Amino acid sequence: MYKQVIVLRGDLKLSRGKLAVQAAHAAVIGYELSDKRIIEKWKFEGQKKIALRVNSERELFELRDRARRAGLVAEVVRDAGLTEVPPGTPTALVIGPDEERKIDRITGNLPLFR
């Protein structure tokens, strides 16, 4: 089983539209950086994605670092700053797609973004 996790910062209080766009950026980045064999398996299973929440920039980067140490694709999305936040603001993190069990070791304790 494969999935992709998108972690969004709850402390920024972004609008729903802005959150959707940041999650979309993250999903595309993860897709572009991942191993093509994993991508094919993930696509075959329906491209499962989960949106999770952290409450600070520090948490976002700590999570990225943990995921990278575990050998996962993990990249932070930085906003262009044209609307709600200053340029370069880290807004989201993508992990994977990859095997669920590998990602869950890193993100299993995080709450869903609601």
PDB file of N, CA and C in Angstrom:
ATOM      1  N   MET A   1       0.840  -1.190   0.000  1.00  0.00           N
ATOM      2  CA  MET A   1       0.000   0.000   0.000  1.00  0.00           C
ATOM      3  C   MET A   1       0.884   1.252   0.000  1.00  0.00           C
ATOM      4  N   TYR A   2       0.509   2.209  -0.824  1.00  0.00           N
ATOM      5  CA  TYR A   2       1.272   3.437  -1.007  1.00  0.00           C
ATOM      6  C   TYR A   2       0.397   4.645  -0.714  1.00  0.00           C
ATOM      7  N   LYS A   3       1.050   5.719  -0.294  1.00  0.00           N
ATOM      8  CA  LYS A   3       0.332   6.974  -0.095  1.00  0.00           C
ATOM      9  C   LYS A   3       1.301   8.148  -0.150  1.00  0.00           C
ATOM     10  N   GLN A   4       0.716   9.319  -0.206  1.00  0.00           N
ATOM     11  CA  GLN A   4       1.456  10.572  -0.137  1.00  0.00           C
ATOM     12  C   GLN A   4       0.853  11.367   1.011  1.00  0.00           C
ATOM     13  N   VAL A   5       1.707  11.985   1.802  1.00  0.00           N
ATOM     14  CA  VAL A   5       1.232  12.804   2.910  1.00  0.00           C
ATOM     15  C   VAL A   5       1.587  14.253   2.637  1.00  0.00           C
ATOM     16  N   ILE A   6       0.616  15.118   2.850  1.00  0.00           N
ATOM     17  CA  ILE A   6       0.813  16.556   2.736  1.00  0.00           C
ATOM     18  C   ILE A   6       0.558  17.150   4.107  1.00  0.00           C
ATOM     19  N   VAL A   7       1.573  17.804   4.639  1.00  0.00           N
ATOM     20  CA  VAL A   7       1.503  18.390   5.972  1.00  0.00           C
ATOM     21  C   VAL A   7       1.380  19.900   5.805  1.00  0.00           C
ATOM     22  N   LEU A   8       0.333  20.458   6.388  1.00  0.00           N
ATOM     23  CA  LEU A   8       0.064  21.895   6.280  1.00  0.00           C
ATOM     24  C   LEU A   8       0.232  22.574   7.629  1.00  0.00           C
ATOM     25  N   ARG A   9       0.673  23.819   7.582  1.00  0.00           N
ATOM     26  CA  ARG A   9       0.857  24.593   8.815  1.00  0.00           C
ATOM     27  C   ARG A   9      -0.460  25.213   9.265  1.00  0.00           C
ATOM     28  N   GLY A  10      -0.917  24.805  10.432  1.00  0.00           N
ATOM     29  CA  GLY A  10      -2.145  25.352  10.989  1.00  0.00           C
ATOM     30  C   GLY A  10      -1.971  26.728  11.598  1.00  0.00           C
ATOM     31  N   ASP A  11      -0.741  27.075  11.961  1.00  0.00           N
ATOM     32  CA  ASP A  11      -0.492  28.362  12.618  1.00  0.00           C
ATOM     33  C   ASP A  11      -0.607  29.546  11.671  1.00  0.00           C
ATOM     34  N   LEU A  12      -0.598  29.325  10.369  1.00  0.00           N
ATOM     35  CA  LEU A  12      -0.655  30.436   9.412  1.00  0.00           C
ATOM     36  C   LEU A  12      -2.062  30.962   9.189  1.00  0.00           C
ATOM     37  N   LYS A  13      -3.080  30.178   9.539  1.00  0.00           N
ATOM     38  CA  LYS A  13      -4.483  30.585   9.377  1.00  0.00           C
ATOM     39  C   LYS A  13      -4.785  30.987   7.931  1.00  0.00           C
ATOM     40  N   LEU A  14      -4.345  30.152   6.993  1.00  0.00           N
ATOM     41  CA  LEU A  14      -4.580  30.413   5.577  1.00  0.00           C
ATOM     42  C   LEU A  14      -6.036  30.145   5.218  1.00  0.00           C
ATOM     43  N   SER A  15      -6.513  30.835   4.191  1.00  0.00           N
ATOM     44  CA  SER A  15      -7.869  30.583   3.698  1.00  0.00           C
ATOM     45  C   SER A  15      -7.940  29.182   3.107  1.00  0.00           C
ATOM     46  N   ARG A  16      -9.141  28.662   2.951  1.00  0.00           N
ATOM     47  CA  ARG A  16      -9.308  27.313   2.388  1.00  0.00           C
ATOM     48  C   ARG A  16      -8.743  27.227   0.974  1.00  0.00           C
ATOM     49  N   GLY A  17      -8.955  28.263   0.204  1.00  0.00           N
ATOM     50  CA  GLY A  17      -8.425  28.276  -1.160  1.00  0.00           C
ATOM     51  C   GLY A  17      -6.911  28.236  -1.177  1.00  0.00           C
ATOM     52  N   LYS A  18      -6.304  29.027  -0.305  1.00  0.00           N
ATOM     53  CA  LYS A  18      -4.847  29.050  -0.225  1.00  0.00           C
ATOM     54  C   LYS A  18      -4.312  27.697   0.226  1.00  0.00           C
ATOM     55  N   LEU A  19      -4.960  27.076   1.202  1.00  0.00           N
ATOM     56  CA  LEU A  19      -4.554  25.742   1.655  1.00  0.00           C
ATOM     57  C   LEU A  19      -4.626  24.734   0.515  1.00  0.00           C
ATOM     58  N   ALA A  20      -5.695  24.812  -0.269  1.00  0.00           N
ATOM     59  CA  ALA A  20      -5.859  23.889  -1.389  1.00  0.00           C
ATOM     60  C   ALA A  20      -4.725  24.048  -2.399  1.00  0.00           C
ATOM     61  N   VAL A  21      -4.355  25.269  -2.682  1.00  0.00           N
ATOM     62  CA  VAL A  21      -3.286  25.526  -3.641  1.00  0.00           C
ATOM     63  C   VAL A  21      -1.939  25.044  -3.098  1.00  0.00           C
ATOM     64  N   GLN A  22      -1.685  25.278  -1.823  1.00  0.00           N
ATOM     65  CA  GLN A  22      -0.416  24.825  -1.241  1.00  0.00           C
ATOM     66  C   GLN A  22      -0.336  23.301  -1.237  1.00  0.00           C
ATOM     67  N   ALA A  23      -1.450  22.643  -0.951  1.00  0.00           N
ATOM     68  CA  ALA A  23      -1.484  21.183  -0.995  1.00  0.00           C
ATOM     69  C   ALA A  23      -1.259  20.687  -2.421  1.00  0.00           C
ATOM     70  N   ALA A  24      -1.827  21.377  -3.393  1.00  0.00           N
ATOM     71  CA  ALA A  24      -1.629  20.990  -4.793  1.00  0.00           C
ATOM     72  C   ALA A  24      -0.166  21.143  -5.193  1.00  0.00           C
ATOM     73  N   HIS A  25       0.454  22.229  -4.797  1.00  0.00           N
ATOM     74  CA  HIS A  25       1.891  22.403  -5.063  1.00  0.00           C
ATOM     75  C   HIS A  25       2.680  21.240  -4.466  1.00  0.00           C
ATOM     76  N   ALA A  26       2.360  20.905  -3.233  1.00  0.00           N
ATOM     77  CA  ALA A  26       3.075  19.824  -2.547  1.00  0.00           C
ATOM     78  C   ALA A  26       2.899  18.502  -3.289  1.00  0.00           C
ATOM     79  N   ALA A  27       1.676  18.189  -3.689  1.00  0.00           N
ATOM     80  CA  ALA A  27       1.411  16.918  -4.375  1.00  0.00           C
ATOM     81  C   ALA A  27       2.215  16.811  -5.665  1.00  0.00           C
ATOM     82  N   VAL A  28       2.281  17.889  -6.419  1.00  0.00           N
ATOM     83  CA  VAL A  28       3.029  17.876  -7.678  1.00  0.00           C
ATOM     84  C   VAL A  28       4.525  17.713  -7.412  1.00  0.00           C
ATOM     85  N   ILE A  29       5.043  18.425  -6.429  1.00  0.00           N
ATOM     86  CA  ILE A  29       6.470  18.311  -6.092  1.00  0.00           C
ATOM     87  C   ILE A  29       6.810  16.870  -5.712  1.00  0.00           C
ATOM     88  N   GLY A  30       6.003  16.264  -4.861  1.00  0.00           N
ATOM     89  CA  GLY A  30       6.247  14.884  -4.464  1.00  0.00           C
ATOM     90  C   GLY A  30       6.215  13.939  -5.650  1.00  0.00           C
ATOM     91  N   TYR A  31       5.273  14.141  -6.537  1.00  0.00           N
ATOM     92  CA  TYR A  31       5.151  13.326  -7.746  1.00  0.00           C
ATOM     93  C   TYR A  31       6.413  13.449  -8.597  1.00  0.00           C
ATOM     94  N   GLU A  32       6.873  14.673  -8.796  1.00  0.00           N
ATOM     95  CA  GLU A  32       8.036  14.911  -9.649  1.00  0.00           C
ATOM     96  C   GLU A  32       9.330  14.343  -9.076  1.00  0.00           C
ATOM     97  N   LEU A  33       9.453  14.302  -7.762  1.00  0.00           N
ATOM     98  CA  LEU A  33      10.705  13.878  -7.134  1.00  0.00           C
ATOM     99  C   LEU A  33      10.774  12.382  -6.829  1.00  0.00           C
ATOM    100  N   SER A  34       9.659  11.706  -6.867  1.00  0.00           N
ATOM    101  CA  SER A  34       9.622  10.296  -6.444  1.00  0.00           C
ATOM    102  C   SER A  34      10.078   9.345  -7.540  1.00  0.00           C
ATOM    103  N   ASP A  35      10.516   8.179  -7.102  1.00  0.00           N
ATOM    104  CA  ASP A  35      10.931   7.096  -7.981  1.00  0.00           C
ATOM    105  C   ASP A  35       9.748   6.673  -8.858  1.00  0.00           C
ATOM    106  N   LYS A  36       9.988   6.524 -10.138  1.00  0.00           N
ATOM    107  CA  LYS A  36       8.901   6.219 -11.085  1.00  0.00           C
ATOM    108  C   LYS A  36       8.239   4.871 -10.812  1.00  0.00           C
ATOM    109  N   ARG A  37       8.968   3.896 -10.277  1.00  0.00           N
ATOM    110  CA  ARG A  37       8.348   2.603  -9.943  1.00  0.00           C
ATOM    111  C   ARG A  37       7.346   2.768  -8.804  1.00  0.00           C
ATOM    112  N   ILE A  38       7.706   3.590  -7.823  1.00  0.00           N
ATOM    113  CA  ILE A  38       6.781   3.868  -6.720  1.00  0.00           C
ATOM    114  C   ILE A  38       5.567   4.631  -7.234  1.00  0.00           C
ATOM    115  N   ILE A  39       5.806   5.600  -8.103  1.00  0.00           N
ATOM    116  CA  ILE A  39       4.708   6.389  -8.681  1.00  0.00           C
ATOM    117  C   ILE A  39       3.697   5.476  -9.377  1.00  0.00           C
ATOM    118  N   GLU A  40       4.184   4.539 -10.149  1.00  0.00           N
ATOM    119  CA  GLU A  40       3.270   3.648 -10.872  1.00  0.00           C
ATOM    120  C   GLU A  40       2.423   2.812  -9.916  1.00  0.00           C
ATOM    121  N   LYS A  41       3.033   2.293  -8.859  1.00  0.00           N
ATOM    122  CA  LYS A  41       2.276   1.508  -7.873  1.00  0.00           C
ATOM    123  C   LYS A  41       1.248   2.387  -7.163  1.00  0.00           C
ATOM    124  N   TRP A  42       1.645   3.585  -6.790  1.00  0.00           N
ATOM    125  CA  TRP A  42       0.767   4.545  -6.119  1.00  0.00           C
ATOM    126  C   TRP A  42      -0.410   4.914  -7.023  1.00  0.00           C
ATOM    127  N   LYS A  43      -0.138   5.181  -8.276  1.00  0.00           N
ATOM    128  CA  LYS A  43      -1.208   5.517  -9.224  1.00  0.00           C
ATOM    129  C   LYS A  43      -2.172   4.351  -9.397  1.00  0.00           C
ATOM    130  N   PHE A  44      -1.639   3.139  -9.495  1.00  0.00           N
ATOM    131  CA  PHE A  44      -2.477   1.951  -9.666  1.00  0.00           C
ATOM    132  C   PHE A  44      -3.428   1.771  -8.491  1.00  0.00           C
ATOM    133  N   GLU A  45      -2.983   2.155  -7.286  1.00  0.00           N
ATOM    134  CA  GLU A  45      -3.801   2.011  -6.078  1.00  0.00           C
ATOM    135  C   GLU A  45      -4.743   3.186  -5.848  1.00  0.00           C
ATOM    136  N   GLY A  46      -4.731   4.197  -6.709  1.00  0.00           N
ATOM    137  CA  GLY A  46      -5.670   5.314  -6.575  1.00  0.00           C
ATOM    138  C   GLY A  46      -5.083   6.606  -6.076  1.00  0.00           C
ATOM    139  N   GLN A  47      -3.758   6.703  -5.959  1.00  0.00           N
ATOM    140  CA  GLN A  47      -3.079   7.947  -5.561  1.00  0.00           C
ATOM    141  C   GLN A  47      -3.531   8.475  -4.202  1.00  0.00           C
ATOM    142  N   LYS A  48      -3.541   7.625  -3.215  1.00  0.00           N
ATOM    143  CA  LYS A  48      -3.970   8.005  -1.865  1.00  0.00           C
ATOM    144  C   LYS A  48      -3.139   9.180  -1.345  1.00  0.00           C
ATOM    145  N   LYS A  49      -3.854  10.185  -0.816  1.00  0.00           N
ATOM    146  CA  LYS A  49      -3.225  11.362  -0.207  1.00  0.00           C
ATOM    147  C   LYS A  49      -3.882  11.635   1.133  1.00  0.00           C
ATOM    148  N   ILE A  50      -3.078  12.054   2.092  1.00  0.00           N
ATOM    149  CA  ILE A  50      -3.579  12.386   3.424  1.00  0.00           C
ATOM    150  C   ILE A  50      -3.072  13.788   3.776  1.00  0.00           C
ATOM    151  N   ALA A  51      -3.943  14.639   4.295  1.00  0.00           N
ATOM    152  CA  ALA A  51      -3.554  15.977   4.735  1.00  0.00           C
ATOM    153  C   ALA A  51      -3.468  16.000   6.254  1.00  0.00           C
ATOM    154  N   LEU A  52      -2.288  16.338   6.754  1.00  0.00           N
ATOM    155  CA  LEU A  52      -2.033  16.393   8.189  1.00  0.00           C
ATOM    156  C   LEU A  52      -1.645  17.805   8.601  1.00  0.00           C
ATOM    157  N   ARG A  53      -1.585  18.021   9.919  1.00  0.00           N
ATOM    158  CA  ARG A  53      -1.365  19.372  10.453  1.00  0.00           C
ATOM    159  C   ARG A  53      -0.181  19.420  11.408  1.00  0.00           C
ATOM    160  N   VAL A  54       0.586  20.504  11.281  1.00  0.00           N
ATOM    161  CA  VAL A  54       1.558  20.884  12.307  1.00  0.00           C
ATOM    162  C   VAL A  54       1.234  22.317  12.691  1.00  0.00           C
ATOM    163  N   ASN A  55       1.795  22.762  13.799  1.00  0.00           N
ATOM    164  CA  ASN A  55       1.447  24.087  14.301  1.00  0.00           C
ATOM    165  C   ASN A  55       2.582  25.089  14.281  1.00  0.00           C
ATOM    166  N   SER A  56       3.667  24.760  13.577  1.00  0.00           N
ATOM    167  CA  SER A  56       4.763  25.726  13.493  1.00  0.00           C
ATOM    168  C   SER A  56       5.693  25.397  12.339  1.00  0.00           C
ATOM    169  N   GLU A  57       6.451  26.377  11.945  1.00  0.00           N
ATOM    170  CA  GLU A  57       7.482  26.197  10.928  1.00  0.00           C
ATOM    171  C   GLU A  57       8.540  25.207  11.423  1.00  0.00           C
ATOM    172  N   ARG A  58       8.895  25.318  12.677  1.00  0.00           N
ATOM    173  CA  ARG A  58       9.898  24.415  13.262  1.00  0.00           C
ATOM    174  C   ARG A  58       9.464  22.960  13.128  1.00  0.00           C
ATOM    175  N   GLU A  59       8.207  22.671  13.465  1.00  0.00           N
ATOM    176  CA  GLU A  59       7.685  21.303  13.343  1.00  0.00           C
ATOM    177  C   GLU A  59       7.755  20.809  11.898  1.00  0.00           C
ATOM    178  N   LEU A  60       7.438  21.698  10.960  1.00  0.00           N
ATOM    179  CA  LEU A  60       7.457  21.338   9.548  1.00  0.00           C
ATOM    180  C   LEU A  60       8.859  20.889   9.128  1.00  0.00           C
ATOM    181  N   PHE A  61       9.864  21.664   9.497  1.00  0.00           N
ATOM    182  CA  PHE A  61      11.235  21.336   9.104  1.00  0.00           C
ATOM    183  C   PHE A  61      11.783  20.127   9.861  1.00  0.00           C
ATOM    184  N   GLU A  62      11.405  19.969  11.115  1.00  0.00           N
ATOM    185  CA  GLU A  62      11.830  18.779  11.854  1.00  0.00           C
ATOM    186  C   GLU A  62      11.258  17.517  11.215  1.00  0.00           C
ATOM    187  N   LEU A  63      10.019  17.589  10.789  1.00  0.00           N
ATOM    188  CA  LEU A  63       9.378  16.464  10.125  1.00  0.00           C
ATOM    189  C   LEU A  63      10.060  16.166   8.790  1.00  0.00           C
ATOM    190  N   ARG A  64      10.366  17.212   8.040  1.00  0.00           N
ATOM    191  CA  ARG A  64      11.083  17.026   6.778  1.00  0.00           C
ATOM    192  C   ARG A  64      12.404  16.302   7.006  1.00  0.00           C
ATOM    193  N   ASP A  65      13.141  16.756   8.003  1.00  0.00           N
ATOM    194  CA  ASP A  65      14.446  16.159   8.289  1.00  0.00           C
ATOM    195  C   ASP A  65      14.319  14.696   8.692  1.00  0.00           C
ATOM    196  N   ARG A  66      13.339  14.377   9.520  1.00  0.00           N
ATOM    197  CA  ARG A  66      13.110  12.977   9.929  1.00  0.00           C
ATOM    198  C   ARG A  66      12.770  12.105   8.718  1.00  0.00           C
ATOM    199  N   ALA A  67      11.915  12.627   7.841  1.00  0.00           N
ATOM    200  CA  ALA A  67      11.517  11.874   6.649  1.00  0.00           C
ATOM    201  C   ALA A  67      12.716  11.635   5.737  1.00  0.00           C
ATOM    202  N   ARG A  68      13.524  12.639   5.544  1.00  0.00           N
ATOM    203  CA  ARG A  68      14.709  12.474   4.690  1.00  0.00           C
ATOM    204  C   ARG A  68      15.688  11.467   5.283  1.00  0.00           C
ATOM    205  N   ARG A  69      15.881  11.523   6.604  1.00  0.00           N
ATOM    206  CA  ARG A  69      16.776  10.545   7.246  1.00  0.00           C
ATOM    207  C   ARG A  69      16.259   9.116   7.064  1.00  0.00           C
ATOM    208  N   ALA A  70      14.944   8.974   6.924  1.00  0.00           N
ATOM    209  CA  ALA A  70      14.337   7.659   6.714  1.00  0.00           C
ATOM    210  C   ALA A  70      14.354   7.249   5.237  1.00  0.00           C
ATOM    211  N   GLY A  71      14.928   8.088   4.387  1.00  0.00           N
ATOM    212  CA  GLY A  71      15.034   7.757   2.968  1.00  0.00           C
ATOM    213  C   GLY A  71      13.817   8.100   2.139  1.00  0.00           C
ATOM    214  N   LEU A  72      12.939   8.940   2.670  1.00  0.00           N
ATOM    215  CA  LEU A  72      11.720   9.334   1.960  1.00  0.00           C
ATOM    216  C   LEU A  72      11.912  10.649   1.213  1.00  0.00           C
ATOM    217  N   VAL A  73      11.195  10.806   0.126  1.00  0.00           N
ATOM    218  CA  VAL A  73      11.124  12.101  -0.542  1.00  0.00           C
ATOM    219  C   VAL A  73      10.383  13.037   0.400  1.00  0.00           C
ATOM    220  N   ALA A  74      10.966  14.181   0.681  1.00  0.00           N
ATOM    221  CA  ALA A  74      10.334  15.163   1.574  1.00  0.00           C
ATOM    222  C   ALA A  74      10.801  16.553   1.170  1.00  0.00           C
ATOM    223  N   GLU A  75       9.851  17.400   0.814  1.00  0.00           N
ATOM    224  CA  GLU A  75      10.200  18.734   0.336  1.00  0.00           C
ATOM    225  C   GLU A  75       9.201  19.759   0.868  1.00  0.00           C
ATOM    226  N   VAL A  76       9.713  20.906   1.256  1.00  0.00           N
ATOM    227  CA  VAL A  76       8.892  21.992   1.785  1.00  0.00           C
ATOM    228  C   VAL A  76       8.446  22.905   0.647  1.00  0.00           C
ATOM    229  N   VAL A  77       7.187  23.314   0.697  1.00  0.00           N
ATOM    230  CA  VAL A  77       6.626  24.291  -0.245  1.00  0.00           C
ATOM    231  C   VAL A  77       6.805  25.674   0.360  1.00  0.00           C
ATOM    232  N   ARG A  78       7.329  26.584  -0.437  1.00  0.00           N
ATOM    233  CA  ARG A  78       7.475  27.984  -0.013  1.00  0.00           C
ATOM    234  C   ARG A  78       6.594  28.846  -0.910  1.00  0.00           C
ATOM    235  N   ASP A  79       5.795  29.693  -0.284  1.00  0.00           N
ATOM    236  CA  ASP A  79       4.844  30.512  -1.019  1.00  0.00           C
ATOM    237  C   ASP A  79       5.536  31.662  -1.751  1.00  0.00           C
ATOM    238  N   ALA A  80       4.978  32.057  -2.879  1.00  0.00           N
ATOM    239  CA  ALA A  80       5.509  33.177  -3.661  1.00  0.00           C
ATOM    240  C   ALA A  80       5.222  34.516  -3.006  1.00  0.00           C
ATOM    241  N   GLY A  81       4.266  34.551  -2.084  1.00  0.00           N
ATOM    242  CA  GLY A  81       3.994  35.780  -1.347  1.00  0.00           C
ATOM    243  C   GLY A  81       3.140  36.791  -2.066  1.00  0.00           C
ATOM    244  N   LEU A  82       2.329  36.351  -2.995  1.00  0.00           N
ATOM    245  CA  LEU A  82       1.511  37.290  -3.758  1.00  0.00           C
ATOM    246  C   LEU A  82       0.181  37.614  -3.092  1.00  0.00           C
ATOM    247  N   THR A  83      -0.225  36.832  -2.096  1.00  0.00           N
ATOM    248  CA  THR A  83      -1.551  37.062  -1.510  1.00  0.00           C
ATOM    249  C   THR A  83      -1.547  37.145   0.008  1.00  0.00           C
ATOM    250  N   GLU A  84      -1.449  36.016   0.705  1.00  0.00           N
ATOM    251  CA  GLU A  84      -1.736  35.978   2.135  1.00  0.00           C
ATOM    252  C   GLU A  84      -0.527  35.986   3.067  1.00  0.00           C
ATOM    253  N   VAL A  85       0.622  35.582   2.582  1.00  0.00           N
ATOM    254  CA  VAL A  85       1.810  35.488   3.432  1.00  0.00           C
ATOM    255  C   VAL A  85       3.016  36.089   2.709  1.00  0.00           C
ATOM    256  N   PRO A  86       4.055  36.470   3.447  1.00  0.00           N
ATOM    257  CA  PRO A  86       5.247  37.041   2.816  1.00  0.00           C
ATOM    258  C   PRO A  86       5.952  36.033   1.892  1.00  0.00           C
ATOM    259  N   PRO A  87       6.671  36.531   0.893  1.00  0.00           N
ATOM    260  CA  PRO A  87       7.411  35.647  -0.012  1.00  0.00           C
ATOM    261  C   PRO A  87       8.362  34.719   0.750  1.00  0.00           C
ATOM    262  N   GLY A  88       8.384  33.463   0.322  1.00  0.00           N
ATOM    263  CA  GLY A  88       9.290  32.493   0.919  1.00  0.00           C
ATOM    264  C   GLY A  88       8.766  31.795   2.156  1.00  0.00           C
ATOM    265  N   THR A  89       7.548  32.124   2.567  1.00  0.00           N
ATOM    266  CA  THR A  89       6.983  31.484   3.761  1.00  0.00           C
ATOM    267  C   THR A  89       6.793  29.991   3.523  1.00  0.00           C
ATOM    268  N   PRO A  90       7.361  29.144   4.402  1.00  0.00           N
ATOM    269  CA  PRO A  90       7.112  27.704   4.287  1.00  0.00           C
ATOM    270  C   PRO A  90       5.675  27.402   4.711  1.00  0.00           C
ATOM    271  N   THR A  91       4.911  26.801   3.810  1.00  0.00           N
ATOM    272  CA  THR A  91       3.489  26.579   4.062  1.00  0.00           C
ATOM    273  C   THR A  91       3.103  25.113   4.205  1.00  0.00           C
ATOM    274  N   ALA A  92       3.844  24.235   3.535  1.00  0.00           N
ATOM    275  CA  ALA A  92       3.459  22.828   3.478  1.00  0.00           C
ATOM    276  C   ALA A  92       4.687  21.951   3.281  1.00  0.00           C
ATOM    277  N   LEU A  93       4.488  20.679   3.525  1.00  0.00           N
ATOM    278  CA  LEU A  93       5.516  19.667   3.331  1.00  0.00           C
ATOM    279  C   LEU A  93       4.879  18.481   2.647  1.00  0.00           C
ATOM    280  N   VAL A  94       5.543  17.955   1.649  1.00  0.00           N
ATOM    281  CA  VAL A  94       5.095  16.706   1.029  1.00  0.00           C
ATOM    282  C   VAL A  94       6.057  15.598   1.424  1.00  0.00           C
ATOM    283  N   ILE A  95       5.509  14.452   1.747  1.00  0.00           N
ATOM    284  CA  ILE A  95       6.295  13.247   1.995  1.00  0.00           C
ATOM    285  C   ILE A  95       5.733  12.166   1.083  1.00  0.00           C
ATOM    286  N   GLY A  96       6.593  11.653   0.214  1.00  0.00           N
ATOM    287  CA  GLY A  96       6.198  10.607  -0.711  1.00  0.00           C
ATOM    288  C   GLY A  96       5.607  11.145  -1.980  1.00  0.00           C
ATOM    289  N   PRO A  97       5.001  10.218  -2.715  1.00  0.00           N
ATOM    290  CA  PRO A  97       4.463   8.934  -2.297  1.00  0.00           C
ATOM    291  C   PRO A  97       5.545   7.882  -2.036  1.00  0.00           C
ATOM    292  N   ASP A  98       5.158   6.961  -1.143  1.00  0.00           N
ATOM    293  CA  ASP A  98       5.999   5.822  -0.800  1.00  0.00           C
ATOM    294  C   ASP A  98       5.130   4.830  -0.036  1.00  0.00           C
ATOM    295  N   GLU A  99       5.764   3.791   0.472  1.00  0.00           N
ATOM    296  CA  GLU A  99       5.024   2.783   1.226  1.00  0.00           C
ATOM    297  C   GLU A  99       4.431   3.402   2.490  1.00  0.00           C
ATOM    298  N   GLU A 100       3.170   3.080   2.747  1.00  0.00           N
ATOM    299  CA  GLU A 100       2.473   3.628   3.915  1.00  0.00           C
ATOM    300  C   GLU A 100       3.236   3.379   5.211  1.00  0.00           C
ATOM    301  N   ARG A 101       3.726   2.165   5.396  1.00  0.00           N
ATOM    302  CA  ARG A 101       4.387   1.815   6.653  1.00  0.00           C
ATOM    303  C   ARG A 101       5.611   2.704   6.907  1.00  0.00           C
ATOM    304  N   LYS A 102       6.327   3.070   5.861  1.00  0.00           N
ATOM    305  CA  LYS A 102       7.497   3.942   6.018  1.00  0.00           C
ATOM    306  C   LYS A 102       7.072   5.359   6.409  1.00  0.00           C
ATOM    307  N   ILE A 103       6.039   5.856   5.744  1.00  0.00           N
ATOM    308  CA  ILE A 103       5.561   7.214   6.023  1.00  0.00           C
ATOM    309  C   ILE A 103       4.921   7.282   7.400  1.00  0.00           C
ATOM    310  N   ASP A 104       4.160   6.250   7.778  1.00  0.00           N
ATOM    311  CA  ASP A 104       3.479   6.251   9.073  1.00  0.00           C
ATOM    312  C   ASP A 104       4.457   6.305  10.246  1.00  0.00           C
ATOM    313  N   ARG A 105       5.648   5.787  10.065  1.00  0.00           N
ATOM    314  CA  ARG A 105       6.659   5.875  11.131  1.00  0.00           C
ATOM    315  C   ARG A 105       7.036   7.327  11.421  1.00  0.00           C
ATOM    316  N   ILE A 106       6.894   8.174  10.435  1.00  0.00           N
ATOM    317  CA  ILE A 106       7.256   9.584  10.571  1.00  0.00           C
ATOM    318  C   ILE A 106       6.045  10.428  10.957  1.00  0.00           C
ATOM    319  N   THR A 107       4.895  10.142  10.373  1.00  0.00           N
ATOM    320  CA  THR A 107       3.727  11.034  10.516  1.00  0.00           C
ATOM    321  C   THR A 107       2.572  10.438  11.301  1.00  0.00           C
ATOM    322  N   GLY A 108       2.714   9.211  11.785  1.00  0.00           N
ATOM    323  CA  GLY A 108       1.604   8.505  12.415  1.00  0.00           C
ATOM    324  C   GLY A 108       0.982   9.191  13.609  1.00  0.00           C
ATOM    325  N   ASN A 109       1.688  10.109  14.247  1.00  0.00           N
ATOM    326  CA  ASN A 109       1.160  10.784  15.436  1.00  0.00           C
ATOM    327  C   ASN A 109       0.540  12.145  15.131  1.00  0.00           C
ATOM    328  N   LEU A 110       0.534  12.565  13.885  1.00  0.00           N
ATOM    329  CA  LEU A 110       0.011  13.894  13.541  1.00  0.00           C
ATOM    330  C   LEU A 110      -1.495  13.862  13.321  1.00  0.00           C
ATOM    331  N   PRO A 111      -2.197  14.937  13.671  1.00  0.00           N
ATOM    332  CA  PRO A 111      -3.641  14.983  13.431  1.00  0.00           C
ATOM    333  C   PRO A 111      -3.959  15.313  11.982  1.00  0.00           C
ATOM    334  N   LEU A 112      -5.136  14.889  11.533  1.00  0.00           N
ATOM    335  CA  LEU A 112      -5.614  15.292  10.223  1.00  0.00           C
ATOM    336  C   LEU A 112      -5.804  16.795  10.186  1.00  0.00           C
ATOM    337  N   PHE A 113      -5.612  17.384   9.015  1.00  0.00           N
ATOM    338  CA  PHE A 113      -5.893  18.820   8.868  1.00  0.00           C
ATOM    339  C   PHE A 113      -7.384  18.959   8.637  1.00  0.00           C
ATOM    340  N   ARG A 114      -8.064  19.668   9.538  1.00  0.00           N
ATOM    341  CA  ARG A 114      -9.518  19.864   9.437  1.00  0.00           C
ATOM    342  C   ARG A 114      -9.836  21.331   9.366  1.00  0.00           C
TER     343      ARG A 114
END
